[in-house]
């Protein structure tokens, strides 16, 4: 049920690259015996404000929800809560968990490492994941500020979606296994790699590399999960290494109680002022308005709730294949 909620949240927020298109990936992991369907998700280290959680090799949504709820509980008790999670796998959209803090007048923070598909600046080897960061901040009358982004220019799902549609990904997002620029959406399956946020050094790829590295350290070095190239891949075309430096992949969760810093109502009013200030910015030529992080997803949700979730034929075929293998009726 929790997995379905996260898939649905991704689709409604316009992040179809993290929605039902990923069901096939999870199914392949289950078929390969890499998903524990009867996990004992548990705390293995704890202080009043911190904890490490072992996900027991199950699908990432389960230990992720457990960990964020734990971070929120600790924040209620002592002001802030910080949880690092190991022995997990992909957990869907990071923003789903950061947003859990909003209803408690808290700021939520979520990070995760991921399949090693990203080459650091100047490298031909893929050593990092797309390693997203999500931060959710409540406001009073304005909608919340929600930043949810990968530390790469595009996420892996956009490669998959482009390939299914027969499109290219454009230049600046990937390279072949020698480090030459490529716009082939299947280049990752041929030994190529994604580029960090910024694309190349002159456009700031070292900054994207730094952000991805920070997420990897917070998610995996803190928790005792595998980091960098040792992360168990989510995709079949990457080999599962015999060597490892930890357990599964890792996540990091934070919850900060606003009234641990100032009166919550005062803060949320000031957030309203911050948001309104940026909304009043003069649009650049050819633009209609300045957006606040979270606006595009809210706008997409209104449209998708009215018009429904669109499945391209290739994704629908993949879902039917999974259903057939499980003896389920599709549609």
C-alpha atoms as a PDB file:
ATOM      1  CA  UNK A   1       0.000   0.000   0.000  1.00  0.00           C
ATOM      2  CA  UNK A   2       2.807   2.433   0.899  1.00  0.00           C
ATOM      3  CA  UNK A   3       4.504   1.752  -2.438  1.00  0.00           C
ATOM      4  CA  UNK A   4       1.279   2.511  -4.309  1.00  0.00           C
ATOM      5  CA  UNK A   5       0.903   5.818  -2.434  1.00  0.00           C
ATOM      6  CA  UNK A   6       4.401   6.908  -3.433  1.00  0.00           C
ATOM      7  CA  UNK A   7       3.902   5.882  -7.080  1.00  0.00           C
ATOM      8  CA  UNK A   8       0.591   7.779  -7.156  1.00  0.00           C
ATOM      9  CA  UNK A   9       2.154  10.856  -5.535  1.00  0.00           C
ATOM     10  CA  UNK A  10       4.865  10.863  -8.208  1.00  0.00           C
ATOM     11  CA  UNK A  11       2.316  10.607 -11.024  1.00  0.00           C
ATOM     12  CA  UNK A  12       0.067  13.326  -9.574  1.00  0.00           C
ATOM     13  CA  UNK A  13       3.001  15.705  -9.097  1.00  0.00           C
ATOM     14  CA  UNK A  14       4.026  15.258 -12.710  1.00  0.00           C
ATOM     15  CA  UNK A  15       7.073  13.099 -11.966  1.00  0.00           C
ATOM     16  CA  UNK A  16       6.024  10.171 -14.125  1.00  0.00           C
ATOM     17  CA  UNK A  17       9.689   9.140 -14.350  1.00  0.00           C
ATOM     18  CA  UNK A  18       9.336   8.012 -10.717  1.00  0.00           C
ATOM     19  CA  UNK A  19       5.804   6.654 -11.015  1.00  0.00           C
ATOM     20  CA  UNK A  20       4.404   3.441 -12.436  1.00  0.00           C
ATOM     21  CA  UNK A  21       7.207   3.254 -15.003  1.00  0.00           C
ATOM     22  CA  UNK A  22       9.371   2.003 -12.112  1.00  0.00           C
ATOM     23  CA  UNK A  23       7.125  -0.975 -11.278  1.00  0.00           C
ATOM     24  CA  UNK A  24       8.953  -3.087 -13.840  1.00  0.00           C
ATOM     25  CA  UNK A  25      12.299  -2.311 -12.148  1.00  0.00           C
ATOM     26  CA  UNK A  26      10.984  -3.345  -8.741  1.00  0.00           C
ATOM     27  CA  UNK A  27       9.486  -6.506 -10.201  1.00  0.00           C
ATOM     28  CA  UNK A  28      12.836  -7.500 -11.731  1.00  0.00           C
ATOM     29  CA  UNK A  29      14.551  -6.954  -8.371  1.00  0.00           C
ATOM     30  CA  UNK A  30      11.936  -9.157  -6.708  1.00  0.00           C
ATOM     31  CA  UNK A  31      12.361 -11.835  -9.389  1.00  0.00           C
ATOM     32  CA  UNK A  32      16.121 -11.759  -8.773  1.00  0.00           C
ATOM     33  CA  UNK A  33      15.570 -12.316  -5.042  1.00  0.00           C
ATOM     34  CA  UNK A  34      16.835  -8.855  -4.122  1.00  0.00           C
ATOM     35  CA  UNK A  35      13.669  -7.635  -2.371  1.00  0.00           C
ATOM     36  CA  UNK A  36      12.853  -8.964   1.102  1.00  0.00           C
ATOM     37  CA  UNK A  37       9.059  -9.165   1.294  1.00  0.00           C
ATOM     38  CA  UNK A  38       8.981  -9.976   5.035  1.00  0.00           C
ATOM     39  CA  UNK A  39      11.363  -7.388   6.497  1.00  0.00           C
ATOM     40  CA  UNK A  40      12.204  -6.578  10.084  1.00  0.00           C
ATOM     41  CA  UNK A  41      12.763  -2.819   9.748  1.00  0.00           C
ATOM     42  CA  UNK A  42      14.434  -1.738  12.975  1.00  0.00           C
ATOM     43  CA  UNK A  43      16.510   0.844  14.830  1.00  0.00           C
ATOM     44  CA  UNK A  44      20.126  -0.310  15.267  1.00  0.00           C
ATOM     45  CA  UNK A  45      21.625   2.820  16.861  1.00  0.00           C
ATOM     46  CA  UNK A  46      19.935   5.709  18.637  1.00  0.00           C
ATOM     47  CA  UNK A  47      20.369   8.924  20.635  1.00  0.00           C
ATOM     48  CA  UNK A  48      17.611  11.365  21.667  1.00  0.00           C
ATOM     49  CA  UNK A  49      17.925  13.275  18.370  1.00  0.00           C
ATOM     50  CA  UNK A  50      19.460  10.728  15.970  1.00  0.00           C
ATOM     51  CA  UNK A  51      19.084   7.136  14.844  1.00  0.00           C
ATOM     52  CA  UNK A  52      20.277   4.603  12.304  1.00  0.00           C
ATOM     53  CA  UNK A  53      17.635   2.321  10.790  1.00  0.00           C
ATOM     54  CA  UNK A  54      18.201  -1.040   9.068  1.00  0.00           C
ATOM     55  CA  UNK A  55      15.699  -1.575   6.229  1.00  0.00           C
ATOM     56  CA  UNK A  56      16.365  -5.338   6.102  1.00  0.00           C
ATOM     57  CA  UNK A  57      16.670  -5.387   2.321  1.00  0.00           C
ATOM     58  CA  UNK A  58      13.074  -4.479   1.535  1.00  0.00           C
ATOM     59  CA  UNK A  59      11.583  -2.048  -0.982  1.00  0.00           C
ATOM     60  CA  UNK A  60      12.675   1.467  -0.020  1.00  0.00           C
ATOM     61  CA  UNK A  61       9.261   3.001   0.678  1.00  0.00           C
ATOM     62  CA  UNK A  62       8.831   0.915   3.838  1.00  0.00           C
ATOM     63  CA  UNK A  63      12.010   1.857   5.759  1.00  0.00           C
ATOM     64  CA  UNK A  64      11.797   5.400   4.353  1.00  0.00           C
ATOM     65  CA  UNK A  65       8.371   6.030   5.890  1.00  0.00           C
ATOM     66  CA  UNK A  66       9.491   4.380   9.145  1.00  0.00           C
ATOM     67  CA  UNK A  67      12.622   6.556   9.233  1.00  0.00           C
ATOM     68  CA  UNK A  68      10.858   9.842   8.483  1.00  0.00           C
ATOM     69  CA  UNK A  69       8.215   9.131  11.112  1.00  0.00           C
ATOM     70  CA  UNK A  70      11.041   8.457  13.568  1.00  0.00           C
ATOM     71  CA  UNK A  71      12.763  11.738  12.660  1.00  0.00           C
ATOM     72  CA  UNK A  72       9.476  13.588  13.225  1.00  0.00           C
ATOM     73  CA  UNK A  73       8.966  11.888  16.603  1.00  0.00           C
ATOM     74  CA  UNK A  74      12.454  12.871  17.716  1.00  0.00           C
ATOM     75  CA  UNK A  75      11.887  16.446  16.564  1.00  0.00           C
ATOM     76  CA  UNK A  76       8.700  16.552  18.658  1.00  0.00           C
ATOM     77  CA  UNK A  77      10.688  15.354  21.660  1.00  0.00           C
ATOM     78  CA  UNK A  78      13.900  17.389  21.392  1.00  0.00           C
ATOM     79  CA  UNK A  79      13.484  19.951  18.586  1.00  0.00           C
ATOM     80  CA  UNK A  80      15.184  18.186  15.682  1.00  0.00           C
ATOM     81  CA  UNK A  81      15.432  14.601  14.498  1.00  0.00           C
ATOM     82  CA  UNK A  82      17.972  13.022  12.147  1.00  0.00           C
ATOM     83  CA  UNK A  83      17.828   9.470  10.826  1.00  0.00           C
ATOM     84  CA  UNK A  84      20.202   7.685   8.466  1.00  0.00           C
ATOM     85  CA  UNK A  85      19.006   4.426   6.919  1.00  0.00           C
ATOM     86  CA  UNK A  86      20.913   1.463   5.486  1.00  0.00           C
ATOM     87  CA  UNK A  87      20.073  -1.891   3.844  1.00  0.00           C
ATOM     88  CA  UNK A  88      17.317  -0.312   1.745  1.00  0.00           C
ATOM     89  CA  UNK A  89      16.682   0.222  -1.973  1.00  0.00           C
ATOM     90  CA  UNK A  90      15.060   2.861  -4.195  1.00  0.00           C
ATOM     91  CA  UNK A  91      12.236   4.693  -2.368  1.00  0.00           C
ATOM     92  CA  UNK A  92      10.517   6.692  -5.129  1.00  0.00           C
ATOM     93  CA  UNK A  93      10.289  10.495  -4.962  1.00  0.00           C
ATOM     94  CA  UNK A  94      12.259  12.081  -2.131  1.00  0.00           C
ATOM     95  CA  UNK A  95       9.731  14.890  -1.732  1.00  0.00           C
ATOM     96  CA  UNK A  96       7.056  12.480  -0.505  1.00  0.00           C
ATOM     97  CA  UNK A  97       8.946  11.954   2.765  1.00  0.00           C
ATOM     98  CA  UNK A  98      10.097  15.555   3.249  1.00  0.00           C
ATOM     99  CA  UNK A  99       6.455  16.655   2.921  1.00  0.00           C
ATOM    100  CA  UNK A 100       5.449  14.366   5.804  1.00  0.00           C
ATOM    101  CA  UNK A 101       6.909  16.975   8.180  1.00  0.00           C
ATOM    102  CA  UNK A 102       4.671  19.810   6.980  1.00  0.00           C
ATOM    103  CA  UNK A 103       1.555  18.817   8.919  1.00  0.00           C
ATOM    104  CA  UNK A 104       3.587  18.921  12.133  1.00  0.00           C
ATOM    105  CA  UNK A 105       4.820  22.516  11.620  1.00  0.00           C
ATOM    106  CA  UNK A 106       8.247  21.139  10.792  1.00  0.00           C
ATOM    107  CA  UNK A 107      10.750  21.445   7.989  1.00  0.00           C
ATOM    108  CA  UNK A 108      11.427  18.095   6.329  1.00  0.00           C
ATOM    109  CA  UNK A 109      14.678  17.054   4.650  1.00  0.00           C
ATOM    110  CA  UNK A 110      15.273  13.886   2.625  1.00  0.00           C
ATOM    111  CA  UNK A 111      18.254  12.528   0.686  1.00  0.00           C
ATOM    112  CA  UNK A 112      19.154   9.193  -0.858  1.00  0.00           C
ATOM    113  CA  UNK A 113      21.991   7.676  -2.808  1.00  0.00           C
ATOM    114  CA  UNK A 114      21.218   5.634  -5.897  1.00  0.00           C
ATOM    115  CA  UNK A 115      22.514   3.341  -8.659  1.00  0.00           C
ATOM    116  CA  UNK A 116      26.049   4.361  -9.732  1.00  0.00           C
ATOM    117  CA  UNK A 117      25.290   5.944 -13.097  1.00  0.00           C
ATOM    118  CA  UNK A 118      26.856   9.402 -12.678  1.00  0.00           C
ATOM    119  CA  UNK A 119      30.458  10.288 -13.511  1.00  0.00           C
ATOM    120  CA  UNK A 120      32.186  12.850 -11.279  1.00  0.00           C
ATOM    121  CA  UNK A 121      33.719  15.852 -13.040  1.00  0.00           C
ATOM    122  CA  UNK A 122      36.673  14.759 -15.237  1.00  0.00           C
ATOM    123  CA  UNK A 123      35.815  11.043 -14.772  1.00  0.00           C
ATOM    124  CA  UNK A 124      34.849   8.493 -17.423  1.00  0.00           C
ATOM    125  CA  UNK A 125      33.679   6.098 -14.695  1.00  0.00           C
ATOM    126  CA  UNK A 126      30.223   6.225 -13.099  1.00  0.00           C
ATOM    127  CA  UNK A 127      30.714   6.404  -9.331  1.00  0.00           C
ATOM    128  CA  UNK A 128      27.666   8.245  -7.965  1.00  0.00           C
ATOM    129  CA  UNK A 129      23.884   8.110  -8.253  1.00  0.00           C
ATOM    130  CA  UNK A 130      21.464  10.875  -9.214  1.00  0.00           C
ATOM    131  CA  UNK A 131      21.298  11.384  -5.423  1.00  0.00           C
ATOM    132  CA  UNK A 132      18.265  13.667  -4.922  1.00  0.00           C
ATOM    133  CA  UNK A 133      17.682  16.240  -2.194  1.00  0.00           C
ATOM    134  CA  UNK A 134      14.193  17.275  -1.037  1.00  0.00           C
ATOM    135  CA  UNK A 135      13.302  20.039   1.424  1.00  0.00           C
ATOM    136  CA  UNK A 136       9.746  20.967   2.439  1.00  0.00           C
ATOM    137  CA  UNK A 137       9.073  24.207   4.377  1.00  0.00           C
ATOM    138  CA  UNK A 138       5.593  25.218   5.590  1.00  0.00           C
ATOM    139  CA  UNK A 139       4.082  28.668   5.101  1.00  0.00           C
ATOM    140  CA  UNK A 140       0.937  30.270   6.527  1.00  0.00           C
ATOM    141  CA  UNK A 141      -1.360  31.399   3.711  1.00  0.00           C
ATOM    142  CA  UNK A 142       0.923  30.551   0.821  1.00  0.00           C
ATOM    143  CA  UNK A 143       1.447  26.920  -0.257  1.00  0.00           C
ATOM    144  CA  UNK A 144       4.587  25.287   1.167  1.00  0.00           C
ATOM    145  CA  UNK A 145       8.029  25.682  -0.366  1.00  0.00           C
ATOM    146  CA  UNK A 146       8.964  22.239  -1.736  1.00  0.00           C
ATOM    147  CA  UNK A 147      12.312  21.716  -3.441  1.00  0.00           C
ATOM    148  CA  UNK A 148      12.796  18.189  -4.798  1.00  0.00           C
ATOM    149  CA  UNK A 149      15.627  17.741  -7.267  1.00  0.00           C
ATOM    150  CA  UNK A 150      18.299  15.341  -8.443  1.00  0.00           C
ATOM    151  CA  UNK A 151      21.948  16.369  -8.349  1.00  0.00           C
ATOM    152  CA  UNK A 152      22.061  15.659 -12.101  1.00  0.00           C
ATOM    153  CA  UNK A 153      20.469  17.800 -14.857  1.00  0.00           C
ATOM    154  CA  UNK A 154      17.894  15.066 -15.535  1.00  0.00           C
ATOM    155  CA  UNK A 155      17.003  11.846 -13.721  1.00  0.00           C
ATOM    156  CA  UNK A 156      17.421   8.278 -14.970  1.00  0.00           C
ATOM    157  CA  UNK A 157      13.718   7.936 -15.663  1.00  0.00           C
ATOM    158  CA  UNK A 158      13.977  10.536 -18.427  1.00  0.00           C
ATOM    159  CA  UNK A 159      16.484   8.323 -20.235  1.00  0.00           C
ATOM    160  CA  UNK A 160      14.017   5.452 -19.963  1.00  0.00           C
ATOM    161  CA  UNK A 161      11.079   7.576 -21.094  1.00  0.00           C
ATOM    162  CA  UNK A 162      13.013   9.032 -24.060  1.00  0.00           C
ATOM    163  CA  UNK A 163      14.069   5.559 -25.173  1.00  0.00           C
ATOM    164  CA  UNK A 164      10.479   4.282 -24.996  1.00  0.00           C
ATOM    165  CA  UNK A 165       9.317   7.255 -27.088  1.00  0.00           C
ATOM    166  CA  UNK A 166      12.154   6.912 -29.614  1.00  0.00           C
ATOM    167  CA  UNK A 167      13.569  10.341 -28.741  1.00  0.00           C
ATOM    168  CA  UNK A 168      17.073  11.594 -27.918  1.00  0.00           C
ATOM    169  CA  UNK A 169      17.968  13.165 -24.569  1.00  0.00           C
ATOM    170  CA  UNK A 170      19.858  16.120 -26.038  1.00  0.00           C
ATOM    171  CA  UNK A 171      23.471  17.055 -25.371  1.00  0.00           C
ATOM    172  CA  UNK A 172      24.906  17.931 -21.972  1.00  0.00           C
ATOM    173  CA  UNK A 173      23.325  15.120 -19.985  1.00  0.00           C
ATOM    174  CA  UNK A 174      25.403  12.026 -20.673  1.00  0.00           C
ATOM    175  CA  UNK A 175      28.659  10.653 -22.040  1.00  0.00           C
ATOM    176  CA  UNK A 176      29.821   7.350 -23.519  1.00  0.00           C
ATOM    177  CA  UNK A 177      32.192   4.989 -21.698  1.00  0.00           C
ATOM    178  CA  UNK A 178      35.212   6.937 -22.962  1.00  0.00           C
ATOM    179  CA  UNK A 179      33.801  10.227 -21.709  1.00  0.00           C
ATOM    180  CA  UNK A 180      32.620  11.595 -25.066  1.00  0.00           C
ATOM    181  CA  UNK A 181      29.347  13.584 -25.092  1.00  0.00           C
ATOM    182  CA  UNK A 182      26.276  11.567 -26.123  1.00  0.00           C
ATOM    183  CA  UNK A 183      22.557  12.164 -26.601  1.00  0.00           C
ATOM    184  CA  UNK A 184      21.691   8.464 -26.927  1.00  0.00           C
ATOM    185  CA  UNK A 185      18.990   7.601 -24.323  1.00  0.00           C
ATOM    186  CA  UNK A 186      20.327   4.022 -24.176  1.00  0.00           C
ATOM    187  CA  UNK A 187      23.944   5.087 -23.572  1.00  0.00           C
ATOM    188  CA  UNK A 188      23.798   3.965 -19.924  1.00  0.00           C
ATOM    189  CA  UNK A 189      23.126   0.410 -21.097  1.00  0.00           C
ATOM    190  CA  UNK A 190      26.250   0.638 -23.259  1.00  0.00           C
ATOM    191  CA  UNK A 191      28.617   1.534 -20.421  1.00  0.00           C
ATOM    192  CA  UNK A 192      28.107   5.284 -20.580  1.00  0.00           C
ATOM    193  CA  UNK A 193      27.277   7.569 -17.679  1.00  0.00           C
ATOM    194  CA  UNK A 194      25.181  10.553 -16.685  1.00  0.00           C
ATOM    195  CA  UNK A 195      26.749  13.941 -15.974  1.00  0.00           C
ATOM    196  CA  UNK A 196      26.458  15.856 -12.684  1.00  0.00           C
ATOM    197  CA  UNK A 197      24.331  18.979 -12.353  1.00  0.00           C
ATOM    198  CA  UNK A 198      26.050  21.598 -14.499  1.00  0.00           C
ATOM    199  CA  UNK A 199      26.993  19.159 -17.242  1.00  0.00           C
ATOM    200  CA  UNK A 200      30.672  20.064 -17.604  1.00  0.00           C
ATOM    201  CA  UNK A 201      33.313  21.882 -15.560  1.00  0.00           C
ATOM    202  CA  UNK A 202      32.886  25.244 -17.265  1.00  0.00           C
ATOM    203  CA  UNK A 203      29.155  25.214 -16.441  1.00  0.00           C
ATOM    204  CA  UNK A 204      29.654  24.119 -12.838  1.00  0.00           C
ATOM    205  CA  UNK A 205      29.570  20.313 -12.915  1.00  0.00           C
ATOM    206  CA  UNK A 206      31.967  20.326  -9.953  1.00  0.00           C
ATOM    207  CA  UNK A 207      29.128  21.820  -7.897  1.00  0.00           C
ATOM    208  CA  UNK A 208      26.731  19.069  -8.926  1.00  0.00           C
ATOM    209  CA  UNK A 209      29.488  16.558  -8.141  1.00  0.00           C
ATOM    210  CA  UNK A 210      29.878  18.082  -4.659  1.00  0.00           C
ATOM    211  CA  UNK A 211      26.124  17.956  -3.996  1.00  0.00           C
ATOM    212  CA  UNK A 212      25.929  14.319  -5.102  1.00  0.00           C
ATOM    213  CA  UNK A 213      28.915  13.453  -2.930  1.00  0.00           C
ATOM    214  CA  UNK A 214      27.357  15.130   0.130  1.00  0.00           C
ATOM    215  CA  UNK A 215      24.160  13.114  -0.344  1.00  0.00           C
ATOM    216  CA  UNK A 216      26.199   9.915  -0.701  1.00  0.00           C
ATOM    217  CA  UNK A 217      28.101  10.600   2.530  1.00  0.00           C
ATOM    218  CA  UNK A 218      25.041  11.574   4.569  1.00  0.00           C
ATOM    219  CA  UNK A 219      23.009   8.646   3.239  1.00  0.00           C
ATOM    220  CA  UNK A 220      25.609   5.893   3.232  1.00  0.00           C
ATOM    221  CA  UNK A 221      28.766   6.716   5.166  1.00  0.00           C
ATOM    222  CA  UNK A 222      26.656   7.838   8.142  1.00  0.00           C
ATOM    223  CA  UNK A 223      24.352   4.829   8.013  1.00  0.00           C
ATOM    224  CA  UNK A 224      26.731   2.038   7.062  1.00  0.00           C
ATOM    225  CA  UNK A 225      25.130   1.517   3.646  1.00  0.00           C
ATOM    226  CA  UNK A 226      27.086   1.017   0.439  1.00  0.00           C
ATOM    227  CA  UNK A 227      28.376   4.242  -1.072  1.00  0.00           C
ATOM    228  CA  UNK A 228      29.382   5.353  -4.565  1.00  0.00           C
ATOM    229  CA  UNK A 229      30.141   2.528  -7.005  1.00  0.00           C
ATOM    230  CA  UNK A 230      29.260  -0.135  -4.415  1.00  0.00           C
ATOM    231  CA  UNK A 231      25.543   0.786  -4.296  1.00  0.00           C
ATOM    232  CA  UNK A 232      23.424  -2.212  -5.434  1.00  0.00           C
ATOM    233  CA  UNK A 233      22.040  -1.103  -8.809  1.00  0.00           C
ATOM    234  CA  UNK A 234      18.333  -0.690  -9.442  1.00  0.00           C
ATOM    235  CA  UNK A 235      18.787  -1.469 -13.139  1.00  0.00           C
ATOM    236  CA  UNK A 236      19.522  -4.844 -14.721  1.00  0.00           C
ATOM    237  CA  UNK A 237      22.247  -3.549 -17.058  1.00  0.00           C
ATOM    238  CA  UNK A 238      24.589  -2.679 -14.164  1.00  0.00           C
ATOM    239  CA  UNK A 239      26.430  -5.613 -12.557  1.00  0.00           C
ATOM    240  CA  UNK A 240      25.850  -6.475  -8.916  1.00  0.00           C
ATOM    241  CA  UNK A 241      29.352  -6.273  -7.433  1.00  0.00           C
ATOM    242  CA  UNK A 242      30.731  -9.109  -5.321  1.00  0.00           C
ATOM    243  CA  UNK A 243      32.485  -6.598  -3.084  1.00  0.00           C
ATOM    244  CA  UNK A 244      30.622  -4.192  -0.821  1.00  0.00           C
ATOM    245  CA  UNK A 245      31.394  -1.578   1.824  1.00  0.00           C
ATOM    246  CA  UNK A 246      28.067  -1.666   3.650  1.00  0.00           C
ATOM    247  CA  UNK A 247      24.471  -2.885   3.577  1.00  0.00           C
ATOM    248  CA  UNK A 248      22.132  -2.017   0.695  1.00  0.00           C
ATOM    249  CA  UNK A 249      21.759   1.602  -0.317  1.00  0.00           C
ATOM    250  CA  UNK A 250      21.180   4.468   2.112  1.00  0.00           C
ATOM    251  CA  UNK A 251      18.849   7.367   2.874  1.00  0.00           C
ATOM    252  CA  UNK A 252      18.983  10.387   5.176  1.00  0.00           C
ATOM    253  CA  UNK A 253      16.002  12.087   6.819  1.00  0.00           C
ATOM    254  CA  UNK A 254      15.660  15.223   8.903  1.00  0.00           C
ATOM    255  CA  UNK A 255      12.830  16.982  10.712  1.00  0.00           C
ATOM    256  CA  UNK A 256      13.197  20.402  12.338  1.00  0.00           C
ATOM    257  CA  UNK A 257      10.487  21.725  14.629  1.00  0.00           C
ATOM    258  CA  UNK A 258       9.951  25.367  13.704  1.00  0.00           C
ATOM    259  CA  UNK A 259       9.152  26.441  17.257  1.00  0.00           C
ATOM    260  CA  UNK A 260      12.578  25.156  18.286  1.00  0.00           C
ATOM    261  CA  UNK A 261      13.852  28.295  16.524  1.00  0.00           C
ATOM    262  CA  UNK A 262      10.969  30.777  16.751  1.00  0.00           C
ATOM    263  CA  UNK A 263       7.197  30.866  17.160  1.00  0.00           C
ATOM    264  CA  UNK A 264       5.774  28.759  14.339  1.00  0.00           C
ATOM    265  CA  UNK A 265       3.110  31.295  13.336  1.00  0.00           C
ATOM    266  CA  UNK A 266       5.708  34.056  13.086  1.00  0.00           C
ATOM    267  CA  UNK A 267       7.974  31.905  10.924  1.00  0.00           C
ATOM    268  CA  UNK A 268       5.158  30.869   8.596  1.00  0.00           C
ATOM    269  CA  UNK A 269       4.085  34.502   8.173  1.00  0.00           C
ATOM    270  CA  UNK A 270       7.670  35.374   7.277  1.00  0.00           C
ATOM    271  CA  UNK A 271       7.709  32.489   4.785  1.00  0.00           C
ATOM    272  CA  UNK A 272       4.569  33.982   3.224  1.00  0.00           C
ATOM    273  CA  UNK A 273       6.445  37.288   2.877  1.00  0.00           C
ATOM    274  CA  UNK A 274       9.461  35.507   1.351  1.00  0.00           C
ATOM    275  CA  UNK A 275       7.277  33.691  -1.177  1.00  0.00           C
ATOM    276  CA  UNK A 276       5.273  36.795  -2.050  1.00  0.00           C
ATOM    277  CA  UNK A 277       8.498  38.768  -2.559  1.00  0.00           C
ATOM    278  CA  UNK A 278       9.787  36.266  -5.090  1.00  0.00           C
ATOM    279  CA  UNK A 279       6.414  35.975  -6.812  1.00  0.00           C
ATOM    280  CA  UNK A 280       6.521  39.737  -7.442  1.00  0.00           C
ATOM    281  CA  UNK A 281       9.843  39.508  -9.302  1.00  0.00           C
ATOM    282  CA  UNK A 282       9.744  40.916 -12.837  1.00  0.00           C
ATOM    283  CA  UNK A 283       9.580  38.019 -15.322  1.00  0.00           C
ATOM    284  CA  UNK A 284      12.375  37.763 -17.871  1.00  0.00           C
ATOM    285  CA  UNK A 285      11.560  38.361 -21.536  1.00  0.00           C
ATOM    286  CA  UNK A 286       9.369  35.550 -22.834  1.00  0.00           C
ATOM    287  CA  UNK A 287       8.341  34.389 -19.347  1.00  0.00           C
ATOM    288  CA  UNK A 288       4.992  34.986 -17.643  1.00  0.00           C
ATOM    289  CA  UNK A 289       5.881  34.621 -13.964  1.00  0.00           C
ATOM    290  CA  UNK A 290       8.549  33.618 -11.476  1.00  0.00           C
ATOM    291  CA  UNK A 291       7.891  30.237  -9.888  1.00  0.00           C
ATOM    292  CA  UNK A 292       8.408  29.125  -6.297  1.00  0.00           C
ATOM    293  CA  UNK A 293       9.780  25.589  -5.757  1.00  0.00           C
ATOM    294  CA  UNK A 294       6.729  23.334  -5.631  1.00  0.00           C
ATOM    295  CA  UNK A 295       4.609  25.438  -8.019  1.00  0.00           C
ATOM    296  CA  UNK A 296       5.058  23.243 -11.129  1.00  0.00           C
ATOM    297  CA  UNK A 297       4.085  20.119  -9.199  1.00  0.00           C
ATOM    298  CA  UNK A 298       0.997  21.786  -7.701  1.00  0.00           C
ATOM    299  CA  UNK A 299      -0.093  22.993 -11.137  1.00  0.00           C
ATOM    300  CA  UNK A 300       0.411  19.531 -12.625  1.00  0.00           C
ATOM    301  CA  UNK A 301      -1.552  17.925  -9.799  1.00  0.00           C
ATOM    302  CA  UNK A 302      -4.602  20.079 -10.546  1.00  0.00           C
ATOM    303  CA  UNK A 303      -4.474  19.105 -14.222  1.00  0.00           C
ATOM    304  CA  UNK A 304      -3.822  15.408 -13.623  1.00  0.00           C
ATOM    305  CA  UNK A 305      -6.556  15.138 -10.996  1.00  0.00           C
ATOM    306  CA  UNK A 306      -8.981  16.528 -13.601  1.00  0.00           C
ATOM    307  CA  UNK A 307      -7.718  14.680 -16.683  1.00  0.00           C
ATOM    308  CA  UNK A 308      -6.248  11.494 -15.212  1.00  0.00           C
ATOM    309  CA  UNK A 309      -2.810   9.858 -15.410  1.00  0.00           C
ATOM    310  CA  UNK A 310      -1.548   9.337 -18.949  1.00  0.00           C
ATOM    311  CA  UNK A 311       0.292   6.099 -19.687  1.00  0.00           C
ATOM    312  CA  UNK A 312       2.296   5.867 -22.880  1.00  0.00           C
ATOM    313  CA  UNK A 313       1.740   2.562 -24.748  1.00  0.00           C
ATOM    314  CA  UNK A 314       5.234   1.258 -23.933  1.00  0.00           C
ATOM    315  CA  UNK A 315       4.726   1.713 -20.176  1.00  0.00           C
ATOM    316  CA  UNK A 316       1.262   0.169 -20.380  1.00  0.00           C
ATOM    317  CA  UNK A 317       2.790  -2.849 -22.145  1.00  0.00           C
ATOM    318  CA  UNK A 318       5.419  -3.201 -19.405  1.00  0.00           C
ATOM    319  CA  UNK A 319       2.749  -3.126 -16.707  1.00  0.00           C
ATOM    320  CA  UNK A 320       0.681  -5.733 -18.547  1.00  0.00           C
ATOM    321  CA  UNK A 321       3.754  -7.980 -18.767  1.00  0.00           C
ATOM    322  CA  UNK A 322       4.245  -7.767 -14.988  1.00  0.00           C
ATOM    323  CA  UNK A 323       0.546  -8.442 -14.402  1.00  0.00           C
ATOM    324  CA  UNK A 324       0.638 -11.477 -16.708  1.00  0.00           C
ATOM    325  CA  UNK A 325       3.653 -12.912 -14.874  1.00  0.00           C
ATOM    326  CA  UNK A 326       1.814 -12.502 -11.576  1.00  0.00           C
ATOM    327  CA  UNK A 327      -1.426 -13.959 -12.930  1.00  0.00           C
ATOM    328  CA  UNK A 328      -3.288 -10.677 -12.506  1.00  0.00           C
ATOM    329  CA  UNK A 329      -5.860  -9.033 -14.767  1.00  0.00           C
ATOM    330  CA  UNK A 330      -4.544  -5.774 -16.193  1.00  0.00           C
ATOM    331  CA  UNK A 331      -6.812  -2.850 -16.932  1.00  0.00           C
END
